[in-house]
Amino acid sequence: MTHEEIRALLLAINNQGKECGPIDAIINAHLIHIQHRIKELVALEEQRKELNAFCSADRSIDKCCIVQKLTADESDSDLSLTAPTNHLGGH
């Protein structure tokens, strides 16, 4: 959780006697973020497995299948090599 989310939780907790809707909303939003991040990480894992499958031998850099795949024209590549987004805390 981000510092902002923790502060919001503490503020909601200190409002004793009031409804817990704000707490539920914060936790639900964080859960959605976690689920999204898991999907991104699974996709990243699959991309890396696919890259790893391109090369199974020691070769020079200019003959490395992984390097060739990574540096191929984007239109020729079926791998999406973009970095995951929306990491916890906005990083």
PDB file of N, CA and C in Angstrom:
ATOM      1  N   MET A   1       0.837  -1.179   0.000  1.00  0.00           N
ATOM      2  CA  MET A   1       0.000   0.000   0.000  1.00  0.00           C
ATOM      3  C   MET A   1       0.884   1.245   0.000  1.00  0.00           C
ATOM      4  N   THR A   2       0.393   2.289  -0.608  1.00  0.00           N
ATOM      5  CA  THR A   2       1.135   3.539  -0.636  1.00  0.00           C
ATOM      6  C   THR A   2       0.956   4.277   0.698  1.00  0.00           C
ATOM      7  N   HIS A   3       1.825   5.235   0.916  1.00  0.00           N
ATOM      8  CA  HIS A   3       1.707   6.051   2.130  1.00  0.00           C
ATOM      9  C   HIS A   3       0.358   6.766   2.157  1.00  0.00           C
ATOM     10  N   GLU A   4      -0.060   7.207   1.005  1.00  0.00           N
ATOM     11  CA  GLU A   4      -1.337   7.908   0.907  1.00  0.00           C
ATOM     12  C   GLU A   4      -2.501   6.989   1.298  1.00  0.00           C
ATOM     13  N   GLU A   5      -2.457   5.746   0.831  1.00  0.00           N
ATOM     14  CA  GLU A   5      -3.513   4.786   1.183  1.00  0.00           C
ATOM     15  C   GLU A   5      -3.490   4.476   2.680  1.00  0.00           C
ATOM     16  N   ILE A   6      -2.305   4.347   3.239  1.00  0.00           N
ATOM     17  CA  ILE A   6      -2.188   4.071   4.675  1.00  0.00           C
ATOM     18  C   ILE A   6      -2.724   5.247   5.483  1.00  0.00           C
ATOM     19  N   ARG A   7      -2.383   6.467   5.063  1.00  0.00           N
ATOM     20  CA  ARG A   7      -2.907   7.651   5.754  1.00  0.00           C
ATOM     21  C   ARG A   7      -4.432   7.689   5.680  1.00  0.00           C
ATOM     22  N   ALA A   8      -4.980   7.376   4.498  1.00  0.00           N
ATOM     23  CA  ALA A   8      -6.437   7.377   4.339  1.00  0.00           C
ATOM     24  C   ALA A   8      -7.081   6.318   5.231  1.00  0.00           C
ATOM     25  N   LEU A   9      -6.435   5.158   5.328  1.00  0.00           N
ATOM     26  CA  LEU A   9      -6.950   4.116   6.222  1.00  0.00           C
ATOM     27  C   LEU A   9      -6.918   4.566   7.676  1.00  0.00           C
ATOM     28  N   LEU A  10      -5.807   5.151   8.091  1.00  0.00           N
ATOM     29  CA  LEU A  10      -5.698   5.616   9.482  1.00  0.00           C
ATOM     30  C   LEU A  10      -6.730   6.693   9.789  1.00  0.00           C
ATOM     31  N   LEU A  11      -6.939   7.586   8.843  1.00  0.00           N
ATOM     32  CA  LEU A  11      -7.953   8.619   9.021  1.00  0.00           C
ATOM     33  C   LEU A  11      -9.337   7.995   9.160  1.00  0.00           C
ATOM     34  N   ALA A  12      -9.641   7.024   8.304  1.00  0.00           N
ATOM     35  CA  ALA A  12     -10.943   6.357   8.366  1.00  0.00           C
ATOM     36  C   ALA A  12     -11.098   5.584   9.679  1.00  0.00           C
ATOM     37  N   ILE A  13     -10.036   4.953  10.134  1.00  0.00           N
ATOM     38  CA  ILE A  13     -10.084   4.197  11.391  1.00  0.00           C
ATOM     39  C   ILE A  13     -10.316   5.143  12.568  1.00  0.00           C
ATOM     40  N   ASN A  14      -9.714   6.318  12.526  1.00  0.00           N
ATOM     41  CA  ASN A  14      -9.868   7.285  13.621  1.00  0.00           C
ATOM     42  C   ASN A  14     -11.252   7.917  13.667  1.00  0.00           C
ATOM     43  N   ASN A  15     -12.039   7.738  12.628  1.00  0.00           N
ATOM     44  CA  ASN A  15     -13.412   8.236  12.614  1.00  0.00           C
ATOM     45  C   ASN A  15     -14.340   7.181  13.210  1.00  0.00           C
ATOM     46  N   GLN A  16     -14.067   6.810  14.450  1.00  0.00           N
ATOM     47  CA  GLN A  16     -14.833   5.760  15.119  1.00  0.00           C
ATOM     48  C   GLN A  16     -16.314   6.108  15.153  1.00  0.00           C
ATOM     49  N   GLY A  17     -17.126   5.082  15.017  1.00  0.00           N
ATOM     50  CA  GLY A  17     -18.564   5.273  15.059  1.00  0.00           C
ATOM     51  C   GLY A  17     -19.176   5.586  13.709  1.00  0.00           C
ATOM     52  N   LYS A  18     -18.341   5.877  12.737  1.00  0.00           N
ATOM     53  CA  LYS A  18     -18.858   6.156  11.400  1.00  0.00           C
ATOM     54  C   LYS A  18     -18.794   4.886  10.560  1.00  0.00           C
ATOM     55  N   GLU A  19     -19.388   4.942   9.406  1.00  0.00           N
ATOM     56  CA  GLU A  19     -19.421   3.768   8.535  1.00  0.00           C
ATOM     57  C   GLU A  19     -18.027   3.407   8.028  1.00  0.00           C
ATOM     58  N   CYS A  20     -17.851   2.126   7.685  1.00  0.00           N
ATOM     59  CA  CYS A  20     -16.548   1.649   7.229  1.00  0.00           C
ATOM     60  C   CYS A  20     -16.429   1.643   5.704  1.00  0.00           C
ATOM     61  N   GLY A  21     -17.353   2.289   5.024  1.00  0.00           N
ATOM     62  CA  GLY A  21     -17.319   2.349   3.564  1.00  0.00           C
ATOM     63  C   GLY A  21     -16.002   2.844   3.002  1.00  0.00           C
ATOM     64  N   PRO A  22     -15.421   3.927   3.553  1.00  0.00           N
ATOM     65  CA  PRO A  22     -14.140   4.395   3.033  1.00  0.00           C
ATOM     66  C   PRO A  22     -13.029   3.345   3.166  1.00  0.00           C
ATOM     67  N   ILE A  23     -13.039   2.602   4.253  1.00  0.00           N
ATOM     68  CA  ILE A  23     -12.033   1.551   4.441  1.00  0.00           C
ATOM     69  C   ILE A  23     -12.219   0.468   3.393  1.00  0.00           C
ATOM     70  N   ASP A  24     -13.453   0.048   3.191  1.00  0.00           N
ATOM     71  CA  ASP A  24     -13.748  -0.962   2.169  1.00  0.00           C
ATOM     72  C   ASP A  24     -13.309  -0.488   0.789  1.00  0.00           C
ATOM     73  N   ALA A  25     -13.558   0.776   0.483  1.00  0.00           N
ATOM     74  CA  ALA A  25     -13.202   1.317  -0.832  1.00  0.00           C
ATOM     75  C   ALA A  25     -11.692   1.305  -1.041  1.00  0.00           C
ATOM     76  N   ILE A  26     -10.938   1.676  -0.013  1.00  0.00           N
ATOM     77  CA  ILE A  26      -9.477   1.688  -0.121  1.00  0.00           C
ATOM     78  C   ILE A  26      -8.952   0.277  -0.339  1.00  0.00           C
ATOM     79  N   ILE A  27      -9.444  -0.669   0.435  1.00  0.00           N
ATOM     80  CA  ILE A  27      -9.000  -2.061   0.319  1.00  0.00           C
ATOM     81  C   ILE A  27      -9.402  -2.640  -1.032  1.00  0.00           C
ATOM     82  N   ASN A  28     -10.617  -2.367  -1.486  1.00  0.00           N
ATOM     83  CA  ASN A  28     -11.066  -2.872  -2.789  1.00  0.00           C
ATOM     84  C   ASN A  28     -10.231  -2.299  -3.927  1.00  0.00           C
ATOM     85  N   ALA A  29      -9.908  -1.014  -3.856  1.00  0.00           N
ATOM     86  CA  ALA A  29      -9.079  -0.399  -4.903  1.00  0.00           C
ATOM     87  C   ALA A  29      -7.688  -1.032  -4.915  1.00  0.00           C
ATOM     88  N   HIS A  30      -7.158  -1.310  -3.742  1.00  0.00           N
ATOM     89  CA  HIS A  30      -5.833  -1.927  -3.669  1.00  0.00           C
ATOM     90  C   HIS A  30      -5.885  -3.355  -4.198  1.00  0.00           C
ATOM     91  N   LEU A  31      -6.942  -4.073  -3.908  1.00  0.00           N
ATOM     92  CA  LEU A  31      -7.107  -5.436  -4.418  1.00  0.00           C
ATOM     93  C   LEU A  31      -7.153  -5.439  -5.944  1.00  0.00           C
ATOM     94  N   ILE A  32      -7.872  -4.500  -6.526  1.00  0.00           N
ATOM     95  CA  ILE A  32      -7.937  -4.395  -7.981  1.00  0.00           C
ATOM     96  C   ILE A  32      -6.538  -4.137  -8.544  1.00  0.00           C
ATOM     97  N   HIS A  33      -5.786  -3.260  -7.879  1.00  0.00           N
ATOM     98  CA  HIS A  33      -4.411  -2.985  -8.313  1.00  0.00           C
ATOM     99  C   HIS A  33      -3.567  -4.258  -8.249  1.00  0.00           C
ATOM    100  N   ILE A  34      -3.686  -5.006  -7.176  1.00  0.00           N
ATOM    101  CA  ILE A  34      -2.926  -6.257  -7.026  1.00  0.00           C
ATOM    102  C   ILE A  34      -3.284  -7.235  -8.140  1.00  0.00           C
ATOM    103  N   GLN A  35      -4.570  -7.387  -8.422  1.00  0.00           N
ATOM    104  CA  GLN A  35      -4.999  -8.305  -9.482  1.00  0.00           C
ATOM    105  C   GLN A  35      -4.447  -7.878 -10.833  1.00  0.00           C
ATOM    106  N   HIS A  36      -4.456  -6.573 -11.100  1.00  0.00           N
ATOM    107  CA  HIS A  36      -3.908  -6.063 -12.360  1.00  0.00           C
ATOM    108  C   HIS A  36      -2.405  -6.334 -12.435  1.00  0.00           C
ATOM    109  N   ARG A  37      -1.719  -6.104 -11.336  1.00  0.00           N
ATOM    110  CA  ARG A  37      -0.265  -6.316 -11.293  1.00  0.00           C
ATOM    111  C   ARG A  37       0.084  -7.785 -11.501  1.00  0.00           C
ATOM    112  N   ILE A  38      -0.707  -8.679 -10.926  1.00  0.00           N
ATOM    113  CA  ILE A  38      -0.473 -10.114 -11.123  1.00  0.00           C
ATOM    114  C   ILE A  38      -0.602 -10.468 -12.599  1.00  0.00           C
ATOM    115  N   LYS A  39      -1.612  -9.926 -13.269  1.00  0.00           N
ATOM    116  CA  LYS A  39      -1.775 -10.180 -14.709  1.00  0.00           C
ATOM    117  C   LYS A  39      -0.559  -9.677 -15.486  1.00  0.00           C
ATOM    118  N   GLU A  40      -0.071  -8.484 -15.129  1.00  0.00           N
ATOM    119  CA  GLU A  40       1.111  -7.948 -15.799  1.00  0.00           C
ATOM    120  C   GLU A  40       2.327  -8.841 -15.573  1.00  0.00           C
ATOM    121  N   LEU A  41       2.492  -9.322 -14.347  1.00  0.00           N
ATOM    122  CA  LEU A  41       3.650 -10.159 -14.034  1.00  0.00           C
ATOM    123  C   LEU A  41       3.577 -11.512 -14.736  1.00  0.00           C
ATOM    124  N   VAL A  42       2.383 -12.079 -14.842  1.00  0.00           N
ATOM    125  CA  VAL A  42       2.220 -13.344 -15.569  1.00  0.00           C
ATOM    126  C   VAL A  42       2.562 -13.139 -17.044  1.00  0.00           C
ATOM    127  N   ALA A  43       2.106 -12.027 -17.624  1.00  0.00           N
ATOM    128  CA  ALA A  43       2.432 -11.729 -19.022  1.00  0.00           C
ATOM    129  C   ALA A  43       3.937 -11.526 -19.189  1.00  0.00           C
ATOM    130  N   LEU A  44       4.560 -10.837 -18.249  1.00  0.00           N
ATOM    131  CA  LEU A  44       6.004 -10.633 -18.295  1.00  0.00           C
ATOM    132  C   LEU A  44       6.744 -11.962 -18.195  1.00  0.00           C
ATOM    133  N   GLU A  45       6.275 -12.838 -17.325  1.00  0.00           N
ATOM    134  CA  GLU A  45       6.888 -14.162 -17.191  1.00  0.00           C
ATOM    135  C   GLU A  45       6.800 -14.934 -18.510  1.00  0.00           C
ATOM    136  N   GLU A  46       5.653 -14.880 -19.164  1.00  0.00           N
ATOM    137  CA  GLU A  46       5.477 -15.580 -20.438  1.00  0.00           C
ATOM    138  C   GLU A  46       6.397 -14.998 -21.509  1.00  0.00           C
ATOM    139  N   GLN A  47       6.539 -13.678 -21.533  1.00  0.00           N
ATOM    140  CA  GLN A  47       7.449 -13.048 -22.500  1.00  0.00           C
ATOM    141  C   GLN A  47       8.878 -13.516 -22.280  1.00  0.00           C
ATOM    142  N   ARG A  48       9.289 -13.567 -21.035  1.00  0.00           N
ATOM    143  CA  ARG A  48      10.664 -13.977 -20.735  1.00  0.00           C
ATOM    144  C   ARG A  48      10.882 -15.445 -21.031  1.00  0.00           C
ATOM    145  N   LYS A  49       9.892 -16.280 -20.800  1.00  0.00           N
ATOM    146  CA  LYS A  49       9.998 -17.699 -21.150  1.00  0.00           C
ATOM    147  C   LYS A  49      10.136 -17.851 -22.662  1.00  0.00           C
ATOM    148  N   GLU A  50       9.359 -17.064 -23.397  1.00  0.00           N
ATOM    149  CA  GLU A  50       9.417 -17.122 -24.855  1.00  0.00           C
ATOM    150  C   GLU A  50      10.793 -16.673 -25.351  1.00  0.00           C
ATOM    151  N   LEU A  51      11.307 -15.593 -24.776  1.00  0.00           N
ATOM    152  CA  LEU A  51      12.652 -15.145 -25.149  1.00  0.00           C
ATOM    153  C   LEU A  51      13.692 -16.208 -24.833  1.00  0.00           C
ATOM    154  N   ASN A  52      13.586 -16.795 -23.674  1.00  0.00           N
ATOM    155  CA  ASN A  52      14.535 -17.817 -23.246  1.00  0.00           C
ATOM    156  C   ASN A  52      14.512 -19.023 -24.185  1.00  0.00           C
ATOM    157  N   ALA A  53      13.356 -19.329 -24.750  1.00  0.00           N
ATOM    158  CA  ALA A  53      13.223 -20.479 -25.647  1.00  0.00           C
ATOM    159  C   ALA A  53      13.905 -20.249 -26.993  1.00  0.00           C
ATOM    160  N   PHE A  54      14.209 -18.989 -27.324  1.00  0.00           N
ATOM    161  CA  PHE A  54      14.848 -18.694 -28.607  1.00  0.00           C
ATOM    162  C   PHE A  54      16.287 -19.175 -28.673  1.00  0.00           C
ATOM    163  N   CYS A  55      16.929 -19.302 -27.553  1.00  0.00           N
ATOM    164  CA  CYS A  55      18.350 -19.599 -27.575  1.00  0.00           C
ATOM    165  C   CYS A  55      18.679 -20.611 -26.486  1.00  0.00           C
ATOM    166  N   SER A  56      19.374 -21.664 -26.884  1.00  0.00           N
ATOM    167  CA  SER A  56      19.715 -22.682 -25.897  1.00  0.00           C
ATOM    168  C   SER A  56      21.203 -23.022 -25.912  1.00  0.00           C
ATOM    169  N   ALA A  57      22.003 -22.179 -26.533  1.00  0.00           N
ATOM    170  CA  ALA A  57      23.440 -22.469 -26.624  1.00  0.00           C
ATOM    171  C   ALA A  57      24.237 -21.197 -26.437  1.00  0.00           C
ATOM    172  N   ASP A  58      25.482 -21.370 -26.028  1.00  0.00           N
ATOM    173  CA  ASP A  58      26.392 -20.230 -25.929  1.00  0.00           C
ATOM    174  C   ASP A  58      26.769 -19.791 -27.344  1.00  0.00           C
ATOM    175  N   ARG A  59      26.543 -18.529 -27.610  1.00  0.00           N
ATOM    176  CA  ARG A  59      26.870 -17.962 -28.914  1.00  0.00           C
ATOM    177  C   ARG A  59      27.450 -16.583 -28.707  1.00  0.00           C
ATOM    178  N   SER A  60      28.064 -16.050 -29.733  1.00  0.00           N
ATOM    179  CA  SER A  60      28.526 -14.672 -29.651  1.00  0.00           C
ATOM    180  C   SER A  60      27.299 -13.758 -29.661  1.00  0.00           C
ATOM    181  N   ILE A  61      27.481 -12.553 -29.166  1.00  0.00           N
ATOM    182  CA  ILE A  61      26.368 -11.601 -29.076  1.00  0.00           C
ATOM    183  C   ILE A  61      25.710 -11.388 -30.434  1.00  0.00           C
ATOM    184  N   ASP A  62      26.492 -11.280 -31.489  1.00  0.00           N
ATOM    185  CA  ASP A  62      25.910 -11.023 -32.806  1.00  0.00           C
ATOM    186  C   ASP A  62      25.112 -12.212 -33.338  1.00  0.00           C
ATOM    187  N   LYS A  63      25.272 -13.382 -32.741  1.00  0.00           N
ATOM    188  CA  LYS A  63      24.518 -14.562 -33.164  1.00  0.00           C
ATOM    189  C   LYS A  63      23.447 -14.957 -32.124  1.00  0.00           C
ATOM    190  N   CYS A  64      23.341 -14.194 -31.063  1.00  0.00           N
ATOM    191  CA  CYS A  64      22.396 -14.514 -29.984  1.00  0.00           C
ATOM    192  C   CYS A  64      20.957 -14.313 -30.453  1.00  0.00           C
ATOM    193  N   CYS A  65      20.178 -15.350 -30.382  1.00  0.00           N
ATOM    194  CA  CYS A  65      18.781 -15.297 -30.828  1.00  0.00           C
ATOM    195  C   CYS A  65      17.951 -14.349 -29.967  1.00  0.00           C
ATOM    196  N   ILE A  66      18.259 -14.272 -28.688  1.00  0.00           N
ATOM    197  CA  ILE A  66      17.517 -13.382 -27.801  1.00  0.00           C
ATOM    198  C   ILE A  66      17.781 -11.928 -28.199  1.00  0.00           C
ATOM    199  N   VAL A  67      19.033 -11.578 -28.413  1.00  0.00           N
ATOM    200  CA  VAL A  67      19.375 -10.218 -28.819  1.00  0.00           C
ATOM    201  C   VAL A  67      18.735  -9.904 -30.167  1.00  0.00           C
ATOM    202  N   GLN A  68      18.754 -10.842 -31.088  1.00  0.00           N
ATOM    203  CA  GLN A  68      18.137 -10.623 -32.395  1.00  0.00           C
ATOM    204  C   GLN A  68      16.641 -10.370 -32.249  1.00  0.00           C
ATOM    205  N   LYS A  69      15.989 -11.126 -31.395  1.00  0.00           N
ATOM    206  CA  LYS A  69      14.554 -10.951 -31.183  1.00  0.00           C
ATOM    207  C   LYS A  69      14.257  -9.607 -30.526  1.00  0.00           C
ATOM    208  N   LEU A  70      15.069  -9.236 -29.557  1.00  0.00           N
ATOM    209  CA  LEU A  70      14.854  -7.963 -28.857  1.00  0.00           C
ATOM    210  C   LEU A  70      15.096  -6.764 -29.752  1.00  0.00           C
ATOM    211  N   THR A  71      16.023  -6.895 -30.698  1.00  0.00           N
ATOM    212  CA  THR A  71      16.370  -5.763 -31.551  1.00  0.00           C
ATOM    213  C   THR A  71      15.658  -5.794 -32.902  1.00  0.00           C
ATOM    214  N   ALA A  72      14.829  -6.789 -33.130  1.00  0.00           N
ATOM    215  CA  ALA A  72      14.087  -6.897 -34.390  1.00  0.00           C
ATOM    216  C   ALA A  72      13.123  -5.723 -34.531  1.00  0.00           C
ATOM    217  N   ASP A  73      12.832  -5.387 -35.769  1.00  0.00           N
ATOM    218  CA  ASP A  73      11.846  -4.351 -36.050  1.00  0.00           C
ATOM    219  C   ASP A  73      10.555  -4.729 -35.333  1.00  0.00           C
ATOM    220  N   GLU A  74       9.938  -3.756 -34.665  1.00  0.00           N
ATOM    221  CA  GLU A  74       8.732  -4.005 -33.888  1.00  0.00           C
ATOM    222  C   GLU A  74       7.643  -4.659 -34.721  1.00  0.00           C
ATOM    223  N   SER A  75       7.533  -4.302 -35.985  1.00  0.00           N
ATOM    224  CA  SER A  75       6.493  -4.882 -36.838  1.00  0.00           C
ATOM    225  C   SER A  75       6.751  -6.361 -37.111  1.00  0.00           C
ATOM    226  N   ASP A  76       8.007  -6.795 -36.985  1.00  0.00           N
ATOM    227  CA  ASP A  76       8.346  -8.197 -37.203  1.00  0.00           C
ATOM    228  C   ASP A  76       8.195  -9.036 -35.939  1.00  0.00           C
ATOM    229  N   SER A  77       8.002  -8.384 -34.815  1.00  0.00           N
ATOM    230  CA  SER A  77       8.007  -9.084 -33.534  1.00  0.00           C
ATOM    231  C   SER A  77       6.593  -9.287 -33.017  1.00  0.00           C
ATOM    232  N   ASP A  78       6.330 -10.481 -32.500  1.00  0.00           N
ATOM    233  CA  ASP A  78       5.044 -10.722 -31.859  1.00  0.00           C
ATOM    234  C   ASP A  78       5.173 -10.616 -30.345  1.00  0.00           C
ATOM    235  N   LEU A  79       6.340 -10.243 -29.868  1.00  0.00           N
ATOM    236  CA  LEU A  79       6.550 -10.047 -28.436  1.00  0.00           C
ATOM    237  C   LEU A  79       6.286  -8.595 -28.082  1.00  0.00           C
ATOM    238  N   SER A  80       5.521  -8.374 -27.075  1.00  0.00           N
ATOM    239  CA  SER A  80       5.336  -7.030 -26.556  1.00  0.00           C
ATOM    240  C   SER A  80       6.352  -6.834 -25.446  1.00  0.00           C
ATOM    241  N   LEU A  81       7.336  -5.989 -25.677  1.00  0.00           N
ATOM    242  CA  LEU A  81       8.423  -5.835 -24.716  1.00  0.00           C
ATOM    243  C   LEU A  81       8.285  -4.565 -23.898  1.00  0.00           C
ATOM    244  N   THR A  82       7.071  -4.065 -23.774  1.00  0.00           N
ATOM    245  CA  THR A  82       6.867  -2.862 -22.985  1.00  0.00           C
ATOM    246  C   THR A  82       6.870  -3.210 -21.511  1.00  0.00           C
ATOM    247  N   ALA A  83       7.320  -2.269 -20.720  1.00  0.00           N
ATOM    248  CA  ALA A  83       7.381  -2.479 -19.272  1.00  0.00           C
ATOM    249  C   ALA A  83       5.992  -2.395 -18.673  1.00  0.00           C
ATOM    250  N   PRO A  84       5.752  -3.157 -17.618  1.00  0.00           N
ATOM    251  CA  PRO A  84       4.475  -3.063 -16.921  1.00  0.00           C
ATOM    252  C   PRO A  84       4.269  -1.649 -16.384  1.00  0.00           C
ATOM    253  N   THR A  85       3.013  -1.274 -16.226  1.00  0.00           N
ATOM    254  CA  THR A  85       2.699   0.052 -15.749  1.00  0.00           C
ATOM    255  C   THR A  85       1.978  -0.020 -14.423  1.00  0.00           C
ATOM    256  N   ASN A  86       1.791   1.125 -13.842  1.00  0.00           N
ATOM    257  CA  ASN A  86       1.006   1.252 -12.618  1.00  0.00           C
ATOM    258  C   ASN A  86       1.520   0.411 -11.471  1.00  0.00           C
ATOM    259  N   HIS A  87       2.826   0.375 -11.327  1.00  0.00           N
ATOM    260  CA  HIS A  87       3.395  -0.347 -10.197  1.00  0.00           C
ATOM    261  C   HIS A  87       2.951   0.343  -8.907  1.00  0.00           C
ATOM    262  N   LEU A  88       2.819  -0.408  -7.856  1.00  0.00           N
ATOM    263  CA  LEU A  88       2.400   0.114  -6.571  1.00  0.00           C
ATOM    264  C   LEU A  88       3.191   1.359  -6.220  1.00  0.00           C
ATOM    265  N   GLY A  89       2.495   2.393  -5.870  1.00  0.00           N
ATOM    266  CA  GLY A  89       3.157   3.643  -5.532  1.00  0.00           C
ATOM    267  C   GLY A  89       3.450   4.496  -6.753  1.00  0.00           C
ATOM    268  N   GLY A  90       2.936   4.087  -7.927  1.00  0.00           N
ATOM    269  CA  GLY A  90       3.123   4.861  -9.141  1.00  0.00           C
ATOM    270  C   GLY A  90       4.452   4.668  -9.819  1.00  0.00           C
ATOM    271  N   HIS A  91       5.243   3.693  -9.421  1.00  0.00           N
ATOM    272  CA  HIS A  91       6.553   3.458 -10.034  1.00  0.00           C
ATOM    273  C   HIS A  91       6.446   2.389 -11.086  1.00  0.00           C
TER     274      HIS A  91
END
